[in-house]
Amino acid sequence: MNWLAQVPSAFREYVSEYEAFHSQVTFQAEPEGLYEPIRYIMRLGGKRIRPLLFLMACDAVGGRWREHLSQAYALELFHNFTLVHDDIMDGASLRRGKPTVHEKFGLNAGILSGDAMVFYCQIFLTEGLASVLLPRSIALFNQTAIRIIEGQQMDMDFENQGEVKADQYLKMIEYKTSVLLGCALQLGALTGGATAETEEALYQAGIRLGLAFQIRDDILDAFGDERFGKVRGGDIIQNKKTLLYILASENASPDDRKILSELRQESDLKKKVQETLEIFERSGALKMAQDKAESLYQQAVSIIHQADITDTGRARLLELFRLVHERNI
């Protein structure tokens, strides 16, 4: 893949080994209507953050990470399953610059192929895994999957909920985004033979990294940054209750709060975006969101500094965390 040449040399071995495994997974040929959509979404690329976190965590605790590429693939497969079904619920037409699965193959194919991906995750998760690791690995993976589905439901509920509090929003993005990062790190530690304390530490680091990542994503979406493929004000146009919107609603002046509410019905999209962004800045919401993301990231970094892992593993994880936080991977 093109991005292989761009990753830091310290990560290249993980990425190279993983991509070799990923590329040889083909799924069966028939019925084509079920398996071609899976092959399609898994060929669309991606940054492989979850497999990388898993493999690096396994290595950092002294595990034989090359023996667990199947588990790394299970994480990537589940991540892509969530994208297939999220795109259906969001009515999205593009994913990574290409037609979404349901746009290309039809709604029913998107639903059914997504369902198959979930069960294949279990096959890849358990492939070659020592029997002593099976119960906890399966439980961790399935608990994570349930949390992600709960997070998606929370996100949909917010659309019709009059008022959303900041702590409710943070819980939603923790479930929808962060838990899979935490799972990747904890599962890596588990398969690598780490202590329960180290497993928990890496899980908590992943949770905080994911929260920081999503908050920064909301900021980039609102204010736009073409480097990251962000169109200015996308969430504002869709009336999404992001952390920026929630903080602005809680901290803006009464006049601005009224304007912010009225702007949700504004048909002039340029005006809607511009005036909403001004309130985000004027109310202090932008600064508060930036500070929250940075605080969570620093907490993740602190946990990794204190975790019982190898010095080399620590340095590599910290570098990956930095790249994820800065959106450079």
C-alpha atoms as a PDB file:
ATOM      1  CA  MET A   1       0.000   0.000   0.000  1.00  0.00           C
ATOM      2  CA  ASN A   2       1.129   3.551  -0.670  1.00  0.00           C
ATOM      3  CA  TRP A   3       0.996   4.586   2.940  1.00  0.00           C
ATOM      4  CA  LEU A   4       3.459   1.845   3.930  1.00  0.00           C
ATOM      5  CA  ALA A   5       6.298   4.020   2.672  1.00  0.00           C
ATOM      6  CA  GLN A   6       5.035   6.914   4.804  1.00  0.00           C
ATOM      7  CA  VAL A   7       4.853   5.231   8.215  1.00  0.00           C
ATOM      8  CA  PRO A   8       7.783   5.635  10.614  1.00  0.00           C
ATOM      9  CA  SER A   9      10.497   3.023  10.199  1.00  0.00           C
ATOM     10  CA  ALA A  10       9.837   1.795  13.768  1.00  0.00           C
ATOM     11  CA  PHE A  11       6.321   0.739  12.683  1.00  0.00           C
ATOM     12  CA  ARG A  12       7.202  -0.649   9.282  1.00  0.00           C
ATOM     13  CA  GLU A  13       7.671  -4.240  10.346  1.00  0.00           C
ATOM     14  CA  TYR A  14       4.270  -4.354  12.051  1.00  0.00           C
ATOM     15  CA  VAL A  15       2.565  -2.759   9.054  1.00  0.00           C
ATOM     16  CA  SER A  16       4.387  -4.924   6.506  1.00  0.00           C
ATOM     17  CA  GLU A  17       3.549  -8.172   8.322  1.00  0.00           C
ATOM     18  CA  TYR A  18      -0.048  -7.121   8.875  1.00  0.00           C
ATOM     19  CA  GLU A  19      -0.594  -6.003   5.270  1.00  0.00           C
ATOM     20  CA  ALA A  20       0.789  -9.296   3.995  1.00  0.00           C
ATOM     21  CA  PHE A  21      -1.783 -11.147   6.121  1.00  0.00           C
ATOM     22  CA  HIS A  22      -4.589  -8.706   5.252  1.00  0.00           C
ATOM     23  CA  SER A  23      -3.995  -8.988   1.512  1.00  0.00           C
ATOM     24  CA  GLN A  24      -4.153 -12.783   1.488  1.00  0.00           C
ATOM     25  CA  VAL A  25      -7.587 -12.939   3.144  1.00  0.00           C
ATOM     26  CA  THR A  26     -10.008 -13.371   0.259  1.00  0.00           C
ATOM     27  CA  PHE A  27     -13.214 -14.879   1.730  1.00  0.00           C
ATOM     28  CA  GLN A  28     -15.022 -17.527  -0.246  1.00  0.00           C
ATOM     29  CA  ALA A  29     -16.316 -16.980  -3.758  1.00  0.00           C
ATOM     30  CA  GLU A  30     -19.980 -17.931  -3.323  1.00  0.00           C
ATOM     31  CA  PRO A  31     -22.512 -16.538  -2.881  1.00  0.00           C
ATOM     32  CA  GLU A  32     -20.862 -13.584  -4.600  1.00  0.00           C
ATOM     33  CA  GLY A  33     -23.613 -11.189  -3.512  1.00  0.00           C
ATOM     34  CA  LEU A  34     -22.632 -11.788   0.122  1.00  0.00           C
ATOM     35  CA  TYR A  35     -18.844 -11.887  -0.086  1.00  0.00           C
ATOM     36  CA  GLU A  36     -17.974  -9.363  -2.790  1.00  0.00           C
ATOM     37  CA  PRO A  37     -19.172  -6.423  -0.630  1.00  0.00           C
ATOM     38  CA  ILE A  38     -16.896  -7.664   2.182  1.00  0.00           C
ATOM     39  CA  ARG A  39     -13.927  -7.967  -0.161  1.00  0.00           C
ATOM     40  CA  TYR A  40     -14.740  -4.490  -1.489  1.00  0.00           C
ATOM     41  CA  ILE A  41     -14.784  -2.676   1.872  1.00  0.00           C
ATOM     42  CA  MET A  42     -11.676  -4.506   3.076  1.00  0.00           C
ATOM     43  CA  ARG A  43      -9.807  -3.415  -0.067  1.00  0.00           C
ATOM     44  CA  LEU A  44     -10.668   0.269   0.403  1.00  0.00           C
ATOM     45  CA  GLY A  45      -7.680   0.866   2.647  1.00  0.00           C
ATOM     46  CA  GLY A  46      -7.595   2.664   5.969  1.00  0.00           C
ATOM     47  CA  LYS A  47      -4.899   3.599   8.449  1.00  0.00           C
ATOM     48  CA  ARG A  48      -4.871   0.258  10.318  1.00  0.00           C
ATOM     49  CA  ILE A  49      -4.745   2.056  13.660  1.00  0.00           C
ATOM     50  CA  ARG A  50      -6.483  -0.742  15.562  1.00  0.00           C
ATOM     51  CA  PRO A  51      -4.303  -3.592  14.246  1.00  0.00           C
ATOM     52  CA  LEU A  52      -1.218  -1.446  14.900  1.00  0.00           C
ATOM     53  CA  LEU A  53      -2.265  -0.748  18.486  1.00  0.00           C
ATOM     54  CA  PHE A  54      -2.910  -4.443  19.036  1.00  0.00           C
ATOM     55  CA  LEU A  55       0.368  -5.681  17.573  1.00  0.00           C
ATOM     56  CA  MET A  56       2.472  -3.010  19.273  1.00  0.00           C
ATOM     57  CA  ALA A  57       0.841  -3.669  22.652  1.00  0.00           C
ATOM     58  CA  CYS A  58       1.451  -7.398  22.279  1.00  0.00           C
ATOM     59  CA  ASP A  59       5.104  -6.751  21.444  1.00  0.00           C
ATOM     60  CA  ALA A  60       5.465  -4.179  24.236  1.00  0.00           C
ATOM     61  CA  VAL A  61       4.603  -6.785  26.884  1.00  0.00           C
ATOM     62  CA  GLY A  62       6.939  -9.375  25.393  1.00  0.00           C
ATOM     63  CA  GLY A  63       4.380 -11.284  23.352  1.00  0.00           C
ATOM     64  CA  ARG A  64       4.925 -13.067  20.046  1.00  0.00           C
ATOM     65  CA  TRP A  65       3.011 -10.563  17.961  1.00  0.00           C
ATOM     66  CA  ARG A  66       3.689 -12.249  14.602  1.00  0.00           C
ATOM     67  CA  GLU A  67       1.620 -15.205  15.804  1.00  0.00           C
ATOM     68  CA  HIS A  68      -1.427 -12.987  16.316  1.00  0.00           C
ATOM     69  CA  LEU A  69      -2.006 -11.362  12.937  1.00  0.00           C
ATOM     70  CA  SER A  70      -5.384 -13.093  12.748  1.00  0.00           C
ATOM     71  CA  GLN A  71      -6.518 -11.300  15.919  1.00  0.00           C
ATOM     72  CA  ALA A  72      -5.290  -7.997  14.470  1.00  0.00           C
ATOM     73  CA  TYR A  73      -7.363  -8.680  11.359  1.00  0.00           C
ATOM     74  CA  ALA A  74     -10.444  -9.384  13.493  1.00  0.00           C
ATOM     75  CA  LEU A  75     -10.188  -5.854  14.909  1.00  0.00           C
ATOM     76  CA  GLU A  76      -9.880  -4.285  11.461  1.00  0.00           C
ATOM     77  CA  LEU A  77     -12.738  -6.395  10.139  1.00  0.00           C
ATOM     78  CA  PHE A  78     -15.006  -5.321  12.993  1.00  0.00           C
ATOM     79  CA  HIS A  79     -14.062  -1.664  12.499  1.00  0.00           C
ATOM     80  CA  ASN A  80     -15.029  -1.945   8.835  1.00  0.00           C
ATOM     81  CA  PHE A  81     -18.284  -3.679   9.730  1.00  0.00           C
ATOM     82  CA  THR A  82     -19.228  -0.648  11.842  1.00  0.00           C
ATOM     83  CA  LEU A  83     -18.462   1.608   8.868  1.00  0.00           C
ATOM     84  CA  VAL A  84     -20.725  -0.423   6.569  1.00  0.00           C
ATOM     85  CA  HIS A  85     -23.707  -0.204   8.917  1.00  0.00           C
ATOM     86  CA  ASP A  86     -23.012   3.377  10.033  1.00  0.00           C
ATOM     87  CA  ASP A  87     -22.997   4.459   6.391  1.00  0.00           C
ATOM     88  CA  ILE A  88     -26.388   2.838   5.915  1.00  0.00           C
ATOM     89  CA  MET A  89     -27.840   4.624   8.951  1.00  0.00           C
ATOM     90  CA  ASP A  90     -26.253   7.945   7.965  1.00  0.00           C
ATOM     91  CA  GLY A  91     -27.296   7.641   4.332  1.00  0.00           C
ATOM     92  CA  ALA A  92     -23.671   8.238   3.329  1.00  0.00           C
ATOM     93  CA  SER A  93     -22.745   7.844  -0.338  1.00  0.00           C
ATOM     94  CA  LEU A  94     -18.943   7.891  -0.074  1.00  0.00           C
ATOM     95  CA  ARG A  95     -16.411   6.108   2.123  1.00  0.00           C
ATOM     96  CA  ARG A  96     -12.681   6.814   1.638  1.00  0.00           C
ATOM     97  CA  GLY A  97     -13.544   8.546  -1.611  1.00  0.00           C
ATOM     98  CA  LYS A  98     -15.373   5.523  -3.050  1.00  0.00           C
ATOM     99  CA  PRO A  99     -19.058   4.517  -3.120  1.00  0.00           C
ATOM    100  CA  THR A 100     -20.233   3.072   0.177  1.00  0.00           C
ATOM    101  CA  VAL A 101     -21.130  -0.615   0.254  1.00  0.00           C
ATOM    102  CA  HIS A 102     -24.893  -0.035   0.228  1.00  0.00           C
ATOM    103  CA  GLU A 103     -24.574   2.474  -2.628  1.00  0.00           C
ATOM    104  CA  LYS A 104     -22.565   0.063  -4.757  1.00  0.00           C
ATOM    105  CA  PHE A 105     -24.256  -3.227  -3.904  1.00  0.00           C
ATOM    106  CA  GLY A 106     -27.637  -2.253  -2.474  1.00  0.00           C
ATOM    107  CA  LEU A 107     -29.113  -1.823   1.006  1.00  0.00           C
ATOM    108  CA  ASN A 108     -29.844  -5.499   1.620  1.00  0.00           C
ATOM    109  CA  ALA A 109     -26.318  -6.477   0.617  1.00  0.00           C
ATOM    110  CA  GLY A 110     -24.914  -3.889   3.018  1.00  0.00           C
ATOM    111  CA  ILE A 111     -26.952  -5.254   5.907  1.00  0.00           C
ATOM    112  CA  LEU A 112     -26.338  -8.932   5.218  1.00  0.00           C
ATOM    113  CA  SER A 113     -22.631  -8.595   4.404  1.00  0.00           C
ATOM    114  CA  GLY A 114     -22.165  -6.551   7.557  1.00  0.00           C
ATOM    115  CA  ASP A 115     -23.822  -9.309   9.556  1.00  0.00           C
ATOM    116  CA  ALA A 116     -21.463 -11.880   8.032  1.00  0.00           C
ATOM    117  CA  MET A 117     -18.457  -9.703   8.901  1.00  0.00           C
ATOM    118  CA  VAL A 118     -19.399  -9.815  12.586  1.00  0.00           C
ATOM    119  CA  PHE A 119     -19.360 -13.600  12.665  1.00  0.00           C
ATOM    120  CA  TYR A 120     -16.159 -13.808  10.671  1.00  0.00           C
ATOM    121  CA  CYS A 121     -14.620 -11.572  13.334  1.00  0.00           C
ATOM    122  CA  GLN A 122     -15.129 -14.402  15.815  1.00  0.00           C
ATOM    123  CA  ILE A 123     -13.403 -16.847  13.468  1.00  0.00           C
ATOM    124  CA  PHE A 124     -10.360 -14.624  13.025  1.00  0.00           C
ATOM    125  CA  LEU A 125     -10.301 -13.699  16.723  1.00  0.00           C
ATOM    126  CA  THR A 126     -10.052 -17.310  17.842  1.00  0.00           C
ATOM    127  CA  GLU A 127      -7.790 -18.602  15.040  1.00  0.00           C
ATOM    128  CA  GLY A 128      -4.611 -20.040  16.540  1.00  0.00           C
ATOM    129  CA  LEU A 129      -5.310 -18.525  19.961  1.00  0.00           C
ATOM    130  CA  ALA A 130      -4.216 -20.582  22.979  1.00  0.00           C
ATOM    131  CA  SER A 131      -7.203 -22.201  24.666  1.00  0.00           C
ATOM    132  CA  VAL A 132      -6.372 -20.501  27.966  1.00  0.00           C
ATOM    133  CA  LEU A 133      -6.828 -17.107  26.283  1.00  0.00           C
ATOM    134  CA  LEU A 134     -10.103 -17.900  24.519  1.00  0.00           C
ATOM    135  CA  PRO A 135     -12.700 -17.119  27.235  1.00  0.00           C
ATOM    136  CA  ARG A 136     -11.343 -13.698  28.178  1.00  0.00           C
ATOM    137  CA  SER A 137     -10.516 -12.710  24.601  1.00  0.00           C
ATOM    138  CA  ILE A 138     -14.009 -13.566  23.370  1.00  0.00           C
ATOM    139  CA  ALA A 139     -15.619 -11.830  26.350  1.00  0.00           C
ATOM    140  CA  LEU A 140     -13.550  -8.667  25.837  1.00  0.00           C
ATOM    141  CA  PHE A 141     -14.275  -8.576  22.122  1.00  0.00           C
ATOM    142  CA  ASN A 142     -18.017  -9.153  22.527  1.00  0.00           C
ATOM    143  CA  GLN A 143     -18.370  -6.649  25.365  1.00  0.00           C
ATOM    144  CA  THR A 144     -16.622  -4.105  23.169  1.00  0.00           C
ATOM    145  CA  ALA A 145     -18.948  -4.874  20.266  1.00  0.00           C
ATOM    146  CA  ILE A 146     -22.009  -4.350  22.467  1.00  0.00           C
ATOM    147  CA  ARG A 147     -20.637  -1.020  23.722  1.00  0.00           C
ATOM    148  CA  ILE A 148     -20.081   0.179  20.143  1.00  0.00           C
ATOM    149  CA  ILE A 149     -23.646  -0.707  19.178  1.00  0.00           C
ATOM    150  CA  GLU A 150     -24.917   1.069  22.311  1.00  0.00           C
ATOM    151  CA  GLY A 151     -22.866   4.116  21.330  1.00  0.00           C
ATOM    152  CA  GLN A 152     -24.404   4.158  17.865  1.00  0.00           C
ATOM    153  CA  GLN A 153     -27.885   4.029  19.402  1.00  0.00           C
ATOM    154  CA  MET A 154     -27.002   6.910  21.742  1.00  0.00           C
ATOM    155  CA  ASP A 155     -25.815   8.916  18.743  1.00  0.00           C
ATOM    156  CA  MET A 156     -29.123   8.331  16.955  1.00  0.00           C
ATOM    157  CA  ASP A 157     -31.091   9.144  20.119  1.00  0.00           C
ATOM    158  CA  PHE A 158     -29.328  12.502  20.388  1.00  0.00           C
ATOM    159  CA  GLU A 159     -30.844  13.566  17.053  1.00  0.00           C
ATOM    160  CA  ASN A 160     -34.308  13.681  18.640  1.00  0.00           C
ATOM    161  CA  GLN A 161     -33.220  14.642  22.159  1.00  0.00           C
ATOM    162  CA  GLY A 162     -33.845  18.286  22.973  1.00  0.00           C
ATOM    163  CA  GLU A 163     -30.857  18.751  25.239  1.00  0.00           C
ATOM    164  CA  VAL A 164     -27.642  16.746  25.401  1.00  0.00           C
ATOM    165  CA  LYS A 165     -25.159  17.236  28.234  1.00  0.00           C
ATOM    166  CA  ALA A 166     -21.388  17.156  27.766  1.00  0.00           C
ATOM    167  CA  ASP A 167     -21.008  14.044  29.913  1.00  0.00           C
ATOM    168  CA  GLN A 168     -23.659  12.254  27.818  1.00  0.00           C
ATOM    169  CA  TYR A 169     -21.806  13.141  24.643  1.00  0.00           C
ATOM    170  CA  LEU A 170     -18.471  11.979  26.048  1.00  0.00           C
ATOM    171  CA  LYS A 171     -20.037   8.670  27.065  1.00  0.00           C
ATOM    172  CA  MET A 172     -21.459   8.254  23.561  1.00  0.00           C
ATOM    173  CA  ILE A 173     -18.108   8.807  21.819  1.00  0.00           C
ATOM    174  CA  GLU A 174     -16.383   6.603  24.386  1.00  0.00           C
ATOM    175  CA  TYR A 175     -18.688   3.753  23.430  1.00  0.00           C
ATOM    176  CA  LYS A 176     -18.856   4.466  19.699  1.00  0.00           C
ATOM    177  CA  THR A 177     -15.169   5.218  19.070  1.00  0.00           C
ATOM    178  CA  SER A 178     -12.865   4.795  22.061  1.00  0.00           C
ATOM    179  CA  VAL A 179     -13.696   1.311  23.285  1.00  0.00           C
ATOM    180  CA  LEU A 180     -12.340  -0.374  20.158  1.00  0.00           C
ATOM    181  CA  LEU A 181      -9.000   1.416  20.620  1.00  0.00           C
ATOM    182  CA  GLY A 182      -8.991   0.348  24.269  1.00  0.00           C
ATOM    183  CA  CYS A 183      -9.907  -3.196  23.260  1.00  0.00           C
ATOM    184  CA  ALA A 184      -7.093  -3.336  20.707  1.00  0.00           C
ATOM    185  CA  LEU A 185      -4.525  -2.379  23.321  1.00  0.00           C
ATOM    186  CA  GLN A 186      -5.935  -4.621  26.059  1.00  0.00           C
ATOM    187  CA  LEU A 187      -6.315  -7.592  23.718  1.00  0.00           C
ATOM    188  CA  GLY A 188      -2.715  -7.104  22.610  1.00  0.00           C
ATOM    189  CA  ALA A 189      -1.583  -7.098  26.219  1.00  0.00           C
ATOM    190  CA  LEU A 190      -3.741 -10.137  27.011  1.00  0.00           C
ATOM    191  CA  THR A 191      -2.420 -12.223  24.122  1.00  0.00           C
ATOM    192  CA  GLY A 192       1.108 -11.104  25.001  1.00  0.00           C
ATOM    193  CA  GLY A 193       0.801 -12.452  28.552  1.00  0.00           C
ATOM    194  CA  ALA A 194       0.647  -9.173  30.478  1.00  0.00           C
ATOM    195  CA  THR A 195      -0.657  -8.792  34.007  1.00  0.00           C
ATOM    196  CA  ALA A 196      -4.231  -7.706  34.632  1.00  0.00           C
ATOM    197  CA  GLU A 197      -2.917  -4.326  35.813  1.00  0.00           C
ATOM    198  CA  THR A 198      -1.054  -3.752  32.555  1.00  0.00           C
ATOM    199  CA  GLU A 199      -4.061  -4.843  30.529  1.00  0.00           C
ATOM    200  CA  GLU A 200      -6.254  -2.329  32.345  1.00  0.00           C
ATOM    201  CA  ALA A 201      -3.676   0.453  32.017  1.00  0.00           C
ATOM    202  CA  LEU A 202      -3.423  -0.007  28.253  1.00  0.00           C
ATOM    203  CA  TYR A 203      -7.208  -0.175  27.947  1.00  0.00           C
ATOM    204  CA  GLN A 204      -7.591   3.116  29.801  1.00  0.00           C
ATOM    205  CA  ALA A 205      -4.896   4.720  27.651  1.00  0.00           C
ATOM    206  CA  GLY A 206      -6.819   3.666  24.550  1.00  0.00           C
ATOM    207  CA  ILE A 207     -10.065   5.091  25.904  1.00  0.00           C
ATOM    208  CA  ARG A 208      -8.473   8.484  26.476  1.00  0.00           C
ATOM    209  CA  LEU A 209      -6.715   8.477  23.122  1.00  0.00           C
ATOM    210  CA  GLY A 210     -10.005   7.721  21.388  1.00  0.00           C
ATOM    211  CA  LEU A 211     -11.873  10.475  23.226  1.00  0.00           C
ATOM    212  CA  ALA A 212      -9.185  13.027  22.366  1.00  0.00           C
ATOM    213  CA  PHE A 213      -9.211  11.850  18.745  1.00  0.00           C
ATOM    214  CA  GLN A 214     -12.980  12.216  18.381  1.00  0.00           C
ATOM    215  CA  ILE A 215     -13.115  15.657  19.986  1.00  0.00           C
ATOM    216  CA  ARG A 216     -10.363  16.851  17.657  1.00  0.00           C
ATOM    217  CA  ASP A 217     -12.289  15.304  14.767  1.00  0.00           C
ATOM    218  CA  ASP A 218     -15.339  17.364  15.736  1.00  0.00           C
ATOM    219  CA  ILE A 219     -13.221  20.523  15.800  1.00  0.00           C
ATOM    220  CA  LEU A 220     -11.649  19.769  12.425  1.00  0.00           C
ATOM    221  CA  ASP A 221     -15.074  19.060  10.966  1.00  0.00           C
ATOM    222  CA  ALA A 222     -16.496  22.347  12.242  1.00  0.00           C
ATOM    223  CA  PHE A 223     -13.652  24.625  11.238  1.00  0.00           C
ATOM    224  CA  GLY A 224     -12.516  22.614   8.218  1.00  0.00           C
ATOM    225  CA  ASP A 225      -9.108  21.352   7.218  1.00  0.00           C
ATOM    226  CA  GLU A 226      -8.597  20.020   3.711  1.00  0.00           C
ATOM    227  CA  ARG A 227      -5.432  18.200   4.828  1.00  0.00           C
ATOM    228  CA  PHE A 228      -7.705  15.790   6.673  1.00  0.00           C
ATOM    229  CA  GLY A 229     -10.484  15.751   4.078  1.00  0.00           C
ATOM    230  CA  LYS A 230     -12.710  17.943   6.207  1.00  0.00           C
ATOM    231  CA  VAL A 231     -15.290  20.238   4.638  1.00  0.00           C
ATOM    232  CA  ARG A 232     -15.956  23.273   6.805  1.00  0.00           C
ATOM    233  CA  GLY A 233     -19.101  22.972   8.885  1.00  0.00           C
ATOM    234  CA  GLY A 234     -20.294  19.510   7.865  1.00  0.00           C
ATOM    235  CA  ASP A 235     -21.630  18.669  11.329  1.00  0.00           C
ATOM    236  CA  ILE A 236     -23.187  22.136  11.647  1.00  0.00           C
ATOM    237  CA  ILE A 237     -25.106  21.708   8.398  1.00  0.00           C
ATOM    238  CA  GLN A 238     -26.404  18.357   9.662  1.00  0.00           C
ATOM    239  CA  ASN A 239     -27.376  19.870  13.046  1.00  0.00           C
ATOM    240  CA  LYS A 240     -25.229  17.375  14.946  1.00  0.00           C
ATOM    241  CA  LYS A 241     -24.945  17.916  18.678  1.00  0.00           C
ATOM    242  CA  THR A 242     -21.158  17.737  18.924  1.00  0.00           C
ATOM    243  CA  LEU A 243     -19.193  18.722  22.009  1.00  0.00           C
ATOM    244  CA  LEU A 244     -18.630  22.146  20.447  1.00  0.00           C
ATOM    245  CA  TYR A 245     -22.362  22.682  20.064  1.00  0.00           C
ATOM    246  CA  ILE A 246     -23.126  21.417  23.564  1.00  0.00           C
ATOM    247  CA  LEU A 247     -20.476  23.602  25.200  1.00  0.00           C
ATOM    248  CA  ALA A 248     -21.635  26.629  23.218  1.00  0.00           C
ATOM    249  CA  SER A 249     -25.240  25.994  24.262  1.00  0.00           C
ATOM    250  CA  GLU A 250     -24.166  25.801  27.910  1.00  0.00           C
ATOM    251  CA  ASN A 251     -21.789  28.772  27.948  1.00  0.00           C
ATOM    252  CA  ALA A 252     -23.011  31.288  25.352  1.00  0.00           C
ATOM    253  CA  SER A 253     -24.770  34.485  26.327  1.00  0.00           C
ATOM    254  CA  PRO A 254     -28.584  34.347  26.339  1.00  0.00           C
ATOM    255  CA  ASP A 255     -28.670  36.226  23.026  1.00  0.00           C
ATOM    256  CA  ASP A 256     -26.154  33.921  21.390  1.00  0.00           C
ATOM    257  CA  ARG A 257     -27.929  30.875  22.769  1.00  0.00           C
ATOM    258  CA  LYS A 258     -31.114  32.046  21.083  1.00  0.00           C
ATOM    259  CA  ILE A 259     -29.279  32.693  17.814  1.00  0.00           C
ATOM    260  CA  LEU A 260     -27.592  29.297  17.998  1.00  0.00           C
ATOM    261  CA  SER A 261     -30.965  27.610  18.333  1.00  0.00           C
ATOM    262  CA  GLU A 262     -32.469  29.618  15.468  1.00  0.00           C
ATOM    263  CA  LEU A 263     -29.519  28.835  13.214  1.00  0.00           C
ATOM    264  CA  ARG A 264     -30.500  25.156  13.238  1.00  0.00           C
ATOM    265  CA  GLN A 265     -33.394  26.126  10.936  1.00  0.00           C
ATOM    266  CA  GLU A 266     -31.333  28.491   8.763  1.00  0.00           C
ATOM    267  CA  SER A 267     -31.584  27.664   5.041  1.00  0.00           C
ATOM    268  CA  ASP A 268     -28.621  29.841   4.026  1.00  0.00           C
ATOM    269  CA  LEU A 269     -25.908  27.279   4.713  1.00  0.00           C
ATOM    270  CA  LYS A 270     -23.017  29.725   4.415  1.00  0.00           C
ATOM    271  CA  LYS A 271     -24.622  31.994   7.024  1.00  0.00           C
ATOM    272  CA  LYS A 272     -25.540  29.014   9.209  1.00  0.00           C
ATOM    273  CA  VAL A 273     -21.961  27.744   9.317  1.00  0.00           C
ATOM    274  CA  GLN A 274     -20.244  31.115   9.693  1.00  0.00           C
ATOM    275  CA  GLU A 275     -22.453  32.452  12.492  1.00  0.00           C
ATOM    276  CA  THR A 276     -22.381  29.127  14.364  1.00  0.00           C
ATOM    277  CA  LEU A 277     -18.589  29.066  14.219  1.00  0.00           C
ATOM    278  CA  GLU A 278     -18.465  32.623  15.549  1.00  0.00           C
ATOM    279  CA  ILE A 279     -20.597  31.586  18.528  1.00  0.00           C
ATOM    280  CA  PHE A 280     -18.376  28.541  19.094  1.00  0.00           C
ATOM    281  CA  GLU A 281     -15.416  30.900  19.418  1.00  0.00           C
ATOM    282  CA  ARG A 282     -17.184  33.738  21.263  1.00  0.00           C
ATOM    283  CA  SER A 283     -18.691  31.409  23.887  1.00  0.00           C
ATOM    284  CA  GLY A 284     -15.339  29.780  24.623  1.00  0.00           C
ATOM    285  CA  ALA A 285     -16.597  26.407  23.385  1.00  0.00           C
ATOM    286  CA  LEU A 286     -13.744  26.016  20.915  1.00  0.00           C
ATOM    287  CA  LYS A 287     -11.100  26.674  23.573  1.00  0.00           C
ATOM    288  CA  MET A 288     -12.806  24.350  26.063  1.00  0.00           C
ATOM    289  CA  ALA A 289     -13.037  21.541  23.518  1.00  0.00           C
ATOM    290  CA  GLN A 290      -9.386  21.983  22.526  1.00  0.00           C
ATOM    291  CA  ASP A 291      -8.335  21.928  26.173  1.00  0.00           C
ATOM    292  CA  LYS A 292     -10.427  18.815  26.843  1.00  0.00           C
ATOM    293  CA  ALA A 293      -8.875  16.947  23.914  1.00  0.00           C
ATOM    294  CA  GLU A 294      -5.363  17.908  24.973  1.00  0.00           C
ATOM    295  CA  SER A 295      -6.022  16.928  28.598  1.00  0.00           C
ATOM    296  CA  LEU A 296      -7.313  13.490  27.565  1.00  0.00           C
ATOM    297  CA  TYR A 297      -4.346  12.955  25.263  1.00  0.00           C
ATOM    298  CA  GLN A 298      -1.894  13.869  28.014  1.00  0.00           C
ATOM    299  CA  GLN A 299      -3.657  11.442  30.346  1.00  0.00           C
ATOM    300  CA  ALA A 300      -3.197   8.682  27.752  1.00  0.00           C
ATOM    301  CA  VAL A 301       0.492   9.558  27.429  1.00  0.00           C
ATOM    302  CA  SER A 302       0.946   9.547  31.211  1.00  0.00           C
ATOM    303  CA  ILE A 303      -0.598   6.081  31.495  1.00  0.00           C
ATOM    304  CA  ILE A 304       1.771   4.705  28.840  1.00  0.00           C
ATOM    305  CA  HIS A 305       4.749   6.274  30.640  1.00  0.00           C
ATOM    306  CA  GLN A 306       3.788   4.437  33.835  1.00  0.00           C
ATOM    307  CA  ALA A 307       2.725   1.113  32.287  1.00  0.00           C
ATOM    308  CA  ASP A 308       4.779  -2.031  32.881  1.00  0.00           C
ATOM    309  CA  ILE A 309       5.983  -2.477  29.292  1.00  0.00           C
ATOM    310  CA  THR A 310       9.356  -2.519  27.560  1.00  0.00           C
ATOM    311  CA  ASP A 311      11.133   0.772  26.944  1.00  0.00           C
ATOM    312  CA  THR A 312      11.136   0.145  23.206  1.00  0.00           C
ATOM    313  CA  GLY A 313       7.440  -0.705  23.258  1.00  0.00           C
ATOM    314  CA  ARG A 314       6.706   2.418  25.274  1.00  0.00           C
ATOM    315  CA  ALA A 315       8.554   4.648  22.814  1.00  0.00           C
ATOM    316  CA  ARG A 316       6.751   3.113  19.859  1.00  0.00           C
ATOM    317  CA  LEU A 317       3.305   3.388  21.456  1.00  0.00           C
ATOM    318  CA  LEU A 318       3.944   7.004  22.434  1.00  0.00           C
ATOM    319  CA  GLU A 319       4.954   7.797  18.866  1.00  0.00           C
ATOM    320  CA  LEU A 320       1.841   6.113  17.500  1.00  0.00           C
ATOM    321  CA  PHE A 321      -0.309   7.992  20.008  1.00  0.00           C
ATOM    322  CA  ARG A 322       1.272  11.266  18.884  1.00  0.00           C
ATOM    323  CA  LEU A 323       0.652  10.521  15.223  1.00  0.00           C
ATOM    324  CA  VAL A 324      -2.964   9.557  15.901  1.00  0.00           C
ATOM    325  CA  HIS A 325      -3.541  12.685  17.986  1.00  0.00           C
ATOM    326  CA  GLU A 326      -1.986  14.944  15.378  1.00  0.00           C
ATOM    327  CA  ARG A 327      -3.836  13.137  12.581  1.00  0.00           C
ATOM    328  CA  ASN A 328      -0.607  12.243  10.807  1.00  0.00           C
ATOM    329  CA  ILE A 329      -1.465   8.586  10.349  1.00  0.00           C
END
